[in-house]
Amino acid sequence: MASKDEMAGITEDVIINFSMEKARDQAWRTAEQIAPLPLDQQEPEIEKVDEWVGSFGRMIWKPPLRAAVFVLGLIRVGERKSVPEMIDILM
């Protein structure tokens, strides 16, 4: 049976890989939406995306208290499950 540290590492890897895949997909969709625009319209759209990504990053870096409590609650629930159960939940 995996230790809690091993389980946390596996769970973290699954979450990071899932998040990176979603981020890449979104980046590609954004590029597809901006590329066909005339050059004078691309910059304002890129600035909107930059603003959104910056806000999202700040929220991850310093989450509001409610979000932190929610995430910690999810982690606590996950600590009670086996590695295969956690992978099934995350997939």
PDB file of N, CA and C in Angstrom:
ATOM      1  N   MET A   1       0.852  -1.184   0.000  1.00  0.00           N
ATOM      2  CA  MET A   1       0.000   0.000   0.000  1.00  0.00           C
ATOM      3  C   MET A   1       0.891   1.238   0.000  1.00  0.00           C
ATOM      4  N   ALA A   2       0.509   2.208  -0.792  1.00  0.00           N
ATOM      5  CA  ALA A   2       1.290   3.442  -0.916  1.00  0.00           C
ATOM      6  C   ALA A   2       1.133   4.293   0.340  1.00  0.00           C
ATOM      7  N   SER A   3       2.232   4.962   0.701  1.00  0.00           N
ATOM      8  CA  SER A   3       2.167   5.870   1.850  1.00  0.00           C
ATOM      9  C   SER A   3       1.391   7.126   1.450  1.00  0.00           C
ATOM     10  N   LYS A   4       1.019   7.921   2.439  1.00  0.00           N
ATOM     11  CA  LYS A   4       0.300   9.174   2.152  1.00  0.00           C
ATOM     12  C   LYS A   4       1.154  10.101   1.287  1.00  0.00           C
ATOM     13  N   ASP A   5       2.463  10.138   1.530  1.00  0.00           N
ATOM     14  CA  ASP A   5       3.354  10.979   0.722  1.00  0.00           C
ATOM     15  C   ASP A   5       3.384  10.512  -0.730  1.00  0.00           C
ATOM     16  N   GLU A   6       3.458   9.195  -0.933  1.00  0.00           N
ATOM     17  CA  GLU A   6       3.462   8.656  -2.291  1.00  0.00           C
ATOM     18  C   GLU A   6       2.136   8.945  -2.985  1.00  0.00           C
ATOM     19  N   MET A   7       1.041   8.757  -2.246  1.00  0.00           N
ATOM     20  CA  MET A   7      -0.285   9.008  -2.806  1.00  0.00           C
ATOM     21  C   MET A   7      -0.435  10.481  -3.168  1.00  0.00           C
ATOM     22  N   ALA A   8       0.035  11.361  -2.301  1.00  0.00           N
ATOM     23  CA  ALA A   8      -0.051  12.796  -2.580  1.00  0.00           C
ATOM     24  C   ALA A   8       0.745  13.140  -3.825  1.00  0.00           C
ATOM     25  N   GLY A   9       1.924  12.539  -3.988  1.00  0.00           N
ATOM     26  CA  GLY A   9       2.744  12.787  -5.168  1.00  0.00           C
ATOM     27  C   GLY A   9       2.071  12.313  -6.443  1.00  0.00           C
ATOM     28  N   ILE A  10       1.480  11.135  -6.401  1.00  0.00           N
ATOM     29  CA  ILE A  10       0.775  10.591  -7.570  1.00  0.00           C
ATOM     30  C   ILE A  10      -0.429  11.463  -7.895  1.00  0.00           C
ATOM     31  N   THR A  11      -1.190  11.827  -6.890  1.00  0.00           N
ATOM     32  CA  THR A  11      -2.366  12.674  -7.091  1.00  0.00           C
ATOM     33  C   THR A  11      -1.954  14.022  -7.672  1.00  0.00           C
ATOM     34  N   GLU A  12      -0.888  14.598  -7.135  1.00  0.00           N
ATOM     35  CA  GLU A  12      -0.394  15.884  -7.632  1.00  0.00           C
ATOM     36  C   GLU A  12       0.009  15.774  -9.098  1.00  0.00           C
ATOM     37  N   ASP A  13       0.698  14.692  -9.463  1.00  0.00           N
ATOM     38  CA  ASP A  13       1.105  14.486 -10.853  1.00  0.00           C
ATOM     39  C   ASP A  13      -0.108  14.387 -11.775  1.00  0.00           C
ATOM     40  N   VAL A  14      -1.125  13.655 -11.349  1.00  0.00           N
ATOM     41  CA  VAL A  14      -2.336  13.507 -12.163  1.00  0.00           C
ATOM     42  C   VAL A  14      -3.004  14.857 -12.360  1.00  0.00           C
ATOM     43  N   ILE A  15      -3.104  15.638 -11.293  1.00  0.00           N
ATOM     44  CA  ILE A  15      -3.750  16.955 -11.383  1.00  0.00           C
ATOM     45  C   ILE A  15      -2.949  17.881 -12.281  1.00  0.00           C
ATOM     46  N   ILE A  16      -1.636  17.907 -12.122  1.00  0.00           N
ATOM     47  CA  ILE A  16      -0.790  18.785 -12.938  1.00  0.00           C
ATOM     48  C   ILE A  16      -0.877  18.399 -14.405  1.00  0.00           C
ATOM     49  N   ASN A  17      -0.797  17.105 -14.695  1.00  0.00           N
ATOM     50  CA  ASN A  17      -0.879  16.666 -16.090  1.00  0.00           C
ATOM     51  C   ASN A  17      -2.227  17.009 -16.701  1.00  0.00           C
ATOM     52  N   PHE A  18      -3.300  16.815 -15.942  1.00  0.00           N
ATOM     53  CA  PHE A  18      -4.638  17.165 -16.416  1.00  0.00           C
ATOM     54  C   PHE A  18      -4.718  18.667 -16.677  1.00  0.00           C
ATOM     55  N   SER A  19      -4.207  19.467 -15.769  1.00  0.00           N
ATOM     56  CA  SER A  19      -4.254  20.916 -15.908  1.00  0.00           C
ATOM     57  C   SER A  19      -3.428  21.391 -17.097  1.00  0.00           C
ATOM     58  N   MET A  20      -2.262  20.816 -17.305  1.00  0.00           N
ATOM     59  CA  MET A  20      -1.419  21.214 -18.437  1.00  0.00           C
ATOM     60  C   MET A  20      -2.097  20.874 -19.761  1.00  0.00           C
ATOM     61  N   GLU A  21      -2.740  19.728 -19.815  1.00  0.00           N
ATOM     62  CA  GLU A  21      -3.449  19.340 -21.041  1.00  0.00           C
ATOM     63  C   GLU A  21      -4.566  20.339 -21.335  1.00  0.00           C
ATOM     64  N   LYS A  22      -5.321  20.694 -20.320  1.00  0.00           N
ATOM     65  CA  LYS A  22      -6.416  21.660 -20.498  1.00  0.00           C
ATOM     66  C   LYS A  22      -5.869  23.029 -20.886  1.00  0.00           C
ATOM     67  N   ALA A  23      -4.768  23.438 -20.285  1.00  0.00           N
ATOM     68  CA  ALA A  23      -4.169  24.741 -20.598  1.00  0.00           C
ATOM     69  C   ALA A  23      -3.683  24.773 -22.043  1.00  0.00           C
ATOM     70  N   ARG A  24      -3.059  23.701 -22.492  1.00  0.00           N
ATOM     71  CA  ARG A  24      -2.595  23.642 -23.889  1.00  0.00           C
ATOM     72  C   ARG A  24      -3.766  23.695 -24.862  1.00  0.00           C
ATOM     73  N   ASP A  25      -4.827  22.949 -24.549  1.00  0.00           N
ATOM     74  CA  ASP A  25      -6.015  22.965 -25.401  1.00  0.00           C
ATOM     75  C   ASP A  25      -6.608  24.376 -25.491  1.00  0.00           C
ATOM     76  N   GLN A  26      -6.694  25.042 -24.354  1.00  0.00           N
ATOM     77  CA  GLN A  26      -7.253  26.396 -24.343  1.00  0.00           C
ATOM     78  C   GLN A  26      -6.347  27.373 -25.099  1.00  0.00           C
ATOM     79  N   ALA A  27      -5.047  27.232 -24.946  1.00  0.00           N
ATOM     80  CA  ALA A  27      -4.111  28.105 -25.664  1.00  0.00           C
ATOM     81  C   ALA A  27      -4.277  27.936 -27.176  1.00  0.00           C
ATOM     82  N   TRP A  28      -4.451  26.701 -27.606  1.00  0.00           N
ATOM     83  CA  TRP A  28      -4.621  26.448 -29.040  1.00  0.00           C
ATOM     84  C   TRP A  28      -5.932  27.060 -29.537  1.00  0.00           C
ATOM     85  N   ARG A  29      -7.018  26.864 -28.789  1.00  0.00           N
ATOM     86  CA  ARG A  29      -8.310  27.451 -29.186  1.00  0.00           C
ATOM     87  C   ARG A  29      -8.224  28.969 -29.247  1.00  0.00           C
ATOM     88  N   THR A  30      -7.538  29.568 -28.293  1.00  0.00           N
ATOM     89  CA  THR A  30      -7.370  31.021 -28.281  1.00  0.00           C
ATOM     90  C   THR A  30      -6.593  31.482 -29.505  1.00  0.00           C
ATOM     91  N   ALA A  31      -5.526  30.783 -29.835  1.00  0.00           N
ATOM     92  CA  ALA A  31      -4.726  31.138 -31.021  1.00  0.00           C
ATOM     93  C   ALA A  31      -5.571  31.023 -32.291  1.00  0.00           C
ATOM     94  N   GLU A  32      -6.392  29.986 -32.359  1.00  0.00           N
ATOM     95  CA  GLU A  32      -7.252  29.815 -33.532  1.00  0.00           C
ATOM     96  C   GLU A  32      -8.282  30.943 -33.655  1.00  0.00           C
ATOM     97  N   GLN A  33      -8.725  31.485 -32.531  1.00  0.00           N
ATOM     98  CA  GLN A  33      -9.695  32.582 -32.561  1.00  0.00           C
ATOM     99  C   GLN A  33      -9.032  33.905 -32.919  1.00  0.00           C
ATOM    100  N   ILE A  34      -7.814  34.119 -32.464  1.00  0.00           N
ATOM    101  CA  ILE A  34      -7.143  35.402 -32.674  1.00  0.00           C
ATOM    102  C   ILE A  34      -6.461  35.480 -34.040  1.00  0.00           C
ATOM    103  N   ALA A  35      -5.887  34.386 -34.504  1.00  0.00           N
ATOM    104  CA  ALA A  35      -5.103  34.398 -35.745  1.00  0.00           C
ATOM    105  C   ALA A  35      -5.856  34.960 -36.953  1.00  0.00           C
ATOM    106  N   PRO A  36      -7.132  34.622 -37.159  1.00  0.00           N
ATOM    107  CA  PRO A  36      -7.800  35.133 -38.358  1.00  0.00           C
ATOM    108  C   PRO A  36      -8.198  36.620 -38.279  1.00  0.00           C
ATOM    109  N   LEU A  37      -8.092  37.228 -37.106  1.00  0.00           N
ATOM    110  CA  LEU A  37      -8.481  38.629 -36.958  1.00  0.00           C
ATOM    111  C   LEU A  37      -7.484  39.534 -37.677  1.00  0.00           C
ATOM    112  N   PRO A  38      -7.951  40.697 -38.150  1.00  0.00           N
ATOM    113  CA  PRO A  38      -7.008  41.680 -38.698  1.00  0.00           C
ATOM    114  C   PRO A  38      -5.998  42.078 -37.614  1.00  0.00           C
ATOM    115  N   LEU A  39      -4.794  42.434 -38.019  1.00  0.00           N
ATOM    116  CA  LEU A  39      -3.729  42.743 -37.057  1.00  0.00           C
ATOM    117  C   LEU A  39      -4.137  43.792 -36.035  1.00  0.00           C
ATOM    118  N   ASP A  40      -4.882  44.800 -36.444  1.00  0.00           N
ATOM    119  CA  ASP A  40      -5.270  45.860 -35.511  1.00  0.00           C
ATOM    120  C   ASP A  40      -6.260  45.371 -34.454  1.00  0.00           C
ATOM    121  N   GLN A  41      -6.909  44.218 -34.672  1.00  0.00           N
ATOM    122  CA  GLN A  41      -7.846  43.660 -33.693  1.00  0.00           C
ATOM    123  C   GLN A  41      -7.205  42.575 -32.825  1.00  0.00           C
ATOM    124  N   GLN A  42      -6.056  42.085 -33.246  1.00  0.00           N
ATOM    125  CA  GLN A  42      -5.409  41.009 -32.489  1.00  0.00           C
ATOM    126  C   GLN A  42      -4.880  41.495 -31.142  1.00  0.00           C
ATOM    127  N   GLU A  43      -4.226  42.641 -31.135  1.00  0.00           N
ATOM    128  CA  GLU A  43      -3.607  43.140 -29.896  1.00  0.00           C
ATOM    129  C   GLU A  43      -4.622  43.311 -28.763  1.00  0.00           C
ATOM    130  N   PRO A  44      -5.789  43.953 -29.004  1.00  0.00           N
ATOM    131  CA  PRO A  44      -6.765  44.070 -27.903  1.00  0.00           C
ATOM    132  C   PRO A  44      -7.246  42.704 -27.391  1.00  0.00           C
ATOM    133  N   GLU A  45      -7.386  41.746 -28.296  1.00  0.00           N
ATOM    134  CA  GLU A  45      -7.813  40.409 -27.871  1.00  0.00           C
ATOM    135  C   GLU A  45      -6.731  39.730 -27.045  1.00  0.00           C
ATOM    136  N   ILE A  46      -5.485  39.893 -27.447  1.00  0.00           N
ATOM    137  CA  ILE A  46      -4.360  39.323 -26.688  1.00  0.00           C
ATOM    138  C   ILE A  46      -4.297  39.962 -25.298  1.00  0.00           C
ATOM    139  N   GLU A  47      -4.537  41.263 -25.227  1.00  0.00           N
ATOM    140  CA  GLU A  47      -4.539  41.944 -23.924  1.00  0.00           C
ATOM    141  C   GLU A  47      -5.642  41.415 -23.017  1.00  0.00           C
ATOM    142  N   LYS A  48      -6.812  41.104 -23.578  1.00  0.00           N
ATOM    143  CA  LYS A  48      -7.911  40.524 -22.781  1.00  0.00           C
ATOM    144  C   LYS A  48      -7.488  39.162 -22.209  1.00  0.00           C
ATOM    145  N   VAL A  49      -6.865  38.355 -23.060  1.00  0.00           N
ATOM    146  CA  VAL A  49      -6.408  37.034 -22.609  1.00  0.00           C
ATOM    147  C   VAL A  49      -5.345  37.195 -21.524  1.00  0.00           C
ATOM    148  N   ASP A  50      -4.392  38.102 -21.740  1.00  0.00           N
ATOM    149  CA  ASP A  50      -3.348  38.352 -20.744  1.00  0.00           C
ATOM    150  C   ASP A  50      -3.947  38.756 -19.400  1.00  0.00           C
ATOM    151  N   GLU A  51      -4.936  39.630 -19.431  1.00  0.00           N
ATOM    152  CA  GLU A  51      -5.588  40.093 -18.192  1.00  0.00           C
ATOM    153  C   GLU A  51      -6.253  38.925 -17.474  1.00  0.00           C
ATOM    154  N   TRP A  52      -6.967  38.084 -18.236  1.00  0.00           N
ATOM    155  CA  TRP A  52      -7.652  36.947 -17.635  1.00  0.00           C
ATOM    156  C   TRP A  52      -6.649  35.967 -17.026  1.00  0.00           C
ATOM    157  N   VAL A  53      -5.594  35.657 -17.779  1.00  0.00           N
ATOM    158  CA  VAL A  53      -4.586  34.708 -17.291  1.00  0.00           C
ATOM    159  C   VAL A  53      -3.897  35.264 -16.046  1.00  0.00           C
ATOM    160  N   GLY A  54      -3.598  36.567 -16.051  1.00  0.00           N
ATOM    161  CA  GLY A  54      -2.986  37.177 -14.872  1.00  0.00           C
ATOM    162  C   GLY A  54      -3.879  37.081 -13.648  1.00  0.00           C
ATOM    163  N   SER A  55      -5.166  37.360 -13.829  1.00  0.00           N
ATOM    164  CA  SER A  55      -6.121  37.263 -12.712  1.00  0.00           C
ATOM    165  C   SER A  55      -6.217  35.833 -12.203  1.00  0.00           C
ATOM    166  N   PHE A  56      -6.279  34.894 -13.127  1.00  0.00           N
ATOM    167  CA  PHE A  56      -6.360  33.481 -12.750  1.00  0.00           C
ATOM    168  C   PHE A  56      -5.109  33.052 -11.992  1.00  0.00           C
ATOM    169  N   GLY A  57      -3.949  33.471 -12.479  1.00  0.00           N
ATOM    170  CA  GLY A  57      -2.691  33.141 -11.810  1.00  0.00           C
ATOM    171  C   GLY A  57      -2.615  33.711 -10.404  1.00  0.00           C
ATOM    172  N   ARG A  58      -3.065  34.964 -10.243  1.00  0.00           N
ATOM    173  CA  ARG A  58      -3.066  35.572  -8.897  1.00  0.00           C
ATOM    174  C   ARG A  58      -3.994  34.801  -7.960  1.00  0.00           C
ATOM    175  N   MET A  59      -5.105  34.293  -8.497  1.00  0.00           N
ATOM    176  CA  MET A  59      -6.046  33.537  -7.661  1.00  0.00           C
ATOM    177  C   MET A  59      -5.424  32.221  -7.212  1.00  0.00           C
ATOM    178  N   ILE A  60      -4.637  31.605  -8.086  1.00  0.00           N
ATOM    179  CA  ILE A  60      -3.953  30.362  -7.712  1.00  0.00           C
ATOM    180  C   ILE A  60      -2.849  30.653  -6.707  1.00  0.00           C
ATOM    181  N   TRP A  61      -2.108  31.728  -6.952  1.00  0.00           N
ATOM    182  CA  TRP A  61      -0.992  32.089  -6.082  1.00  0.00           C
ATOM    183  C   TRP A  61      -1.475  32.451  -4.681  1.00  0.00           C
ATOM    184  N   LYS A  62      -2.510  33.263  -4.600  1.00  0.00           N
ATOM    185  CA  LYS A  62      -3.078  33.664  -3.305  1.00  0.00           C
ATOM    186  C   LYS A  62      -4.589  33.493  -3.368  1.00  0.00           C
ATOM    187  N   PRO A  63      -5.067  32.263  -3.185  1.00  0.00           N
ATOM    188  CA  PRO A  63      -6.516  32.029  -3.311  1.00  0.00           C
ATOM    189  C   PRO A  63      -7.303  32.715  -2.201  1.00  0.00           C
ATOM    190  N   PRO A  64      -8.533  33.104  -2.528  1.00  0.00           N
ATOM    191  CA  PRO A  64      -9.392  33.639  -1.472  1.00  0.00           C
ATOM    192  C   PRO A  64      -9.583  32.571  -0.394  1.00  0.00           C
ATOM    193  N   LEU A  65      -9.848  32.990   0.820  1.00  0.00           N
ATOM    194  CA  LEU A  65      -9.965  32.053   1.939  1.00  0.00           C
ATOM    195  C   LEU A  65     -10.976  30.953   1.655  1.00  0.00           C
ATOM    196  N   ARG A  66     -12.122  31.288   1.094  1.00  0.00           N
ATOM    197  CA  ARG A  66     -13.140  30.260   0.812  1.00  0.00           C
ATOM    198  C   ARG A  66     -12.607  29.193  -0.125  1.00  0.00           C
ATOM    199  N   ALA A  67     -11.873  29.616  -1.162  1.00  0.00           N
ATOM    200  CA  ALA A  67     -11.320  28.657  -2.112  1.00  0.00           C
ATOM    201  C   ALA A  67     -10.303  27.756  -1.420  1.00  0.00           C
ATOM    202  N   ALA A  68      -9.477  28.326  -0.569  1.00  0.00           N
ATOM    203  CA  ALA A  68      -8.465  27.538   0.139  1.00  0.00           C
ATOM    204  C   ALA A  68      -9.136  26.500   1.044  1.00  0.00           C
ATOM    205  N   VAL A  69     -10.176  26.894   1.749  1.00  0.00           N
ATOM    206  CA  VAL A  69     -10.894  25.967   2.630  1.00  0.00           C
ATOM    207  C   VAL A  69     -11.513  24.839   1.806  1.00  0.00           C
ATOM    208  N   PHE A  70     -12.093  25.181   0.658  1.00  0.00           N
ATOM    209  CA  PHE A  70     -12.696  24.178  -0.226  1.00  0.00           C
ATOM    210  C   PHE A  70     -11.650  23.175  -0.704  1.00  0.00           C
ATOM    211  N   VAL A  71     -10.525  23.675  -1.193  1.00  0.00           N
ATOM    212  CA  VAL A  71      -9.462  22.800  -1.697  1.00  0.00           C
ATOM    213  C   VAL A  71      -8.925  21.919  -0.584  1.00  0.00           C
ATOM    214  N   LEU A  72      -8.715  22.478   0.583  1.00  0.00           N
ATOM    215  CA  LEU A  72      -8.234  21.668   1.704  1.00  0.00           C
ATOM    216  C   LEU A  72      -9.244  20.581   2.061  1.00  0.00           C
ATOM    217  N   GLY A  73     -10.520  20.898   1.972  1.00  0.00           N
ATOM    218  CA  GLY A  73     -11.562  19.896   2.215  1.00  0.00           C
ATOM    219  C   GLY A  73     -11.478  18.755   1.211  1.00  0.00           C
ATOM    220  N   LEU A  74     -11.252  19.092  -0.068  1.00  0.00           N
ATOM    221  CA  LEU A  74     -11.100  18.054  -1.092  1.00  0.00           C
ATOM    222  C   LEU A  74      -9.884  17.183  -0.811  1.00  0.00           C
ATOM    223  N   ILE A  75      -8.809  17.818  -0.397  1.00  0.00           N
ATOM    224  CA  ILE A  75      -7.590  17.060  -0.085  1.00  0.00           C
ATOM    225  C   ILE A  75      -7.852  16.107   1.071  1.00  0.00           C
ATOM    226  N   ARG A  76      -8.545  16.583   2.093  1.00  0.00           N
ATOM    227  CA  ARG A  76      -8.847  15.728   3.247  1.00  0.00           C
ATOM    228  C   ARG A  76      -9.670  14.518   2.837  1.00  0.00           C
ATOM    229  N   VAL A  77     -10.658  14.732   1.977  1.00  0.00           N
ATOM    230  CA  VAL A  77     -11.482  13.620   1.505  1.00  0.00           C
ATOM    231  C   VAL A  77     -10.608  12.641   0.727  1.00  0.00           C
ATOM    232  N   GLY A  78      -9.728  13.173  -0.123  1.00  0.00           N
ATOM    233  CA  GLY A  78      -8.856  12.334  -0.934  1.00  0.00           C
ATOM    234  C   GLY A  78      -7.880  11.512  -0.125  1.00  0.00           C
ATOM    235  N   GLU A  79      -7.481  12.004   1.024  1.00  0.00           N
ATOM    236  CA  GLU A  79      -6.521  11.283   1.852  1.00  0.00           C
ATOM    237  C   GLU A  79      -7.102   9.979   2.385  1.00  0.00           C
ATOM    238  N   ARG A  80      -8.396   9.860   2.336  1.00  0.00           N
ATOM    239  CA  ARG A  80      -9.036   8.654   2.871  1.00  0.00           C
ATOM    240  C   ARG A  80      -9.169   7.556   1.819  1.00  0.00           C
ATOM    241  N   LYS A  81      -8.784   7.848   0.600  1.00  0.00           N
ATOM    242  CA  LYS A  81      -8.966   6.896  -0.487  1.00  0.00           C
ATOM    243  C   LYS A  81      -7.632   6.283  -0.908  1.00  0.00           C
ATOM    244  N   SER A  82      -7.719   5.136  -1.581  1.00  0.00           N
ATOM    245  CA  SER A  82      -6.519   4.494  -2.094  1.00  0.00           C
ATOM    246  C   SER A  82      -6.086   5.200  -3.383  1.00  0.00           C
ATOM    247  N   VAL A  83      -4.874   4.938  -3.824  1.00  0.00           N
ATOM    248  CA  VAL A  83      -4.357   5.547  -5.057  1.00  0.00           C
ATOM    249  C   VAL A  83      -5.258   5.204  -6.246  1.00  0.00           C
ATOM    250  N   PRO A  84      -5.629   3.942  -6.467  1.00  0.00           N
ATOM    251  CA  PRO A  84      -6.509   3.640  -7.602  1.00  0.00           C
ATOM    252  C   PRO A  84      -7.853   4.378  -7.519  1.00  0.00           C
ATOM    253  N   GLU A  85      -8.411   4.502  -6.320  1.00  0.00           N
ATOM    254  CA  GLU A  85      -9.673   5.230  -6.165  1.00  0.00           C
ATOM    255  C   GLU A  85      -9.502   6.696  -6.529  1.00  0.00           C
ATOM    256  N   MET A  86      -8.388   7.292  -6.107  1.00  0.00           N
ATOM    257  CA  MET A  86      -8.128   8.708  -6.426  1.00  0.00           C
ATOM    258  C   MET A  86      -7.975   8.909  -7.930  1.00  0.00           C
ATOM    259  N   ILE A  87      -7.261   8.004  -8.587  1.00  0.00           N
ATOM    260  CA  ILE A  87      -7.066   8.116 -10.029  1.00  0.00           C
ATOM    261  C   ILE A  87      -8.408   8.002 -10.733  1.00  0.00           C
ATOM    262  N   ASP A  88      -9.264   7.079 -10.292  1.00  0.00           N
ATOM    263  CA  ASP A  88     -10.597   6.940 -10.885  1.00  0.00           C
ATOM    264  C   ASP A  88     -11.408   8.232 -10.718  1.00  0.00           C
ATOM    265  N   ILE A  89     -11.321   8.858  -9.570  1.00  0.00           N
ATOM    266  CA  ILE A  89     -12.046  10.101  -9.309  1.00  0.00           C
ATOM    267  C   ILE A  89     -11.544  11.196 -10.232  1.00  0.00           C
ATOM    268  N   LEU A  90     -10.229  11.308 -10.387  1.00  0.00           N
ATOM    269  CA  LEU A  90      -9.649  12.381 -11.179  1.00  0.00           C
ATOM    270  C   LEU A  90      -9.794  12.163 -12.678  1.00  0.00           C
ATOM    271  N   MET A  91      -9.973  10.950 -13.112  1.00  0.00           N
ATOM    272  CA  MET A  91     -10.100  10.684 -14.551  1.00  0.00           C
ATOM    273  C   MET A  91     -11.540  10.771 -14.900  1.00  0.00           C
TER     274      MET A  91
END
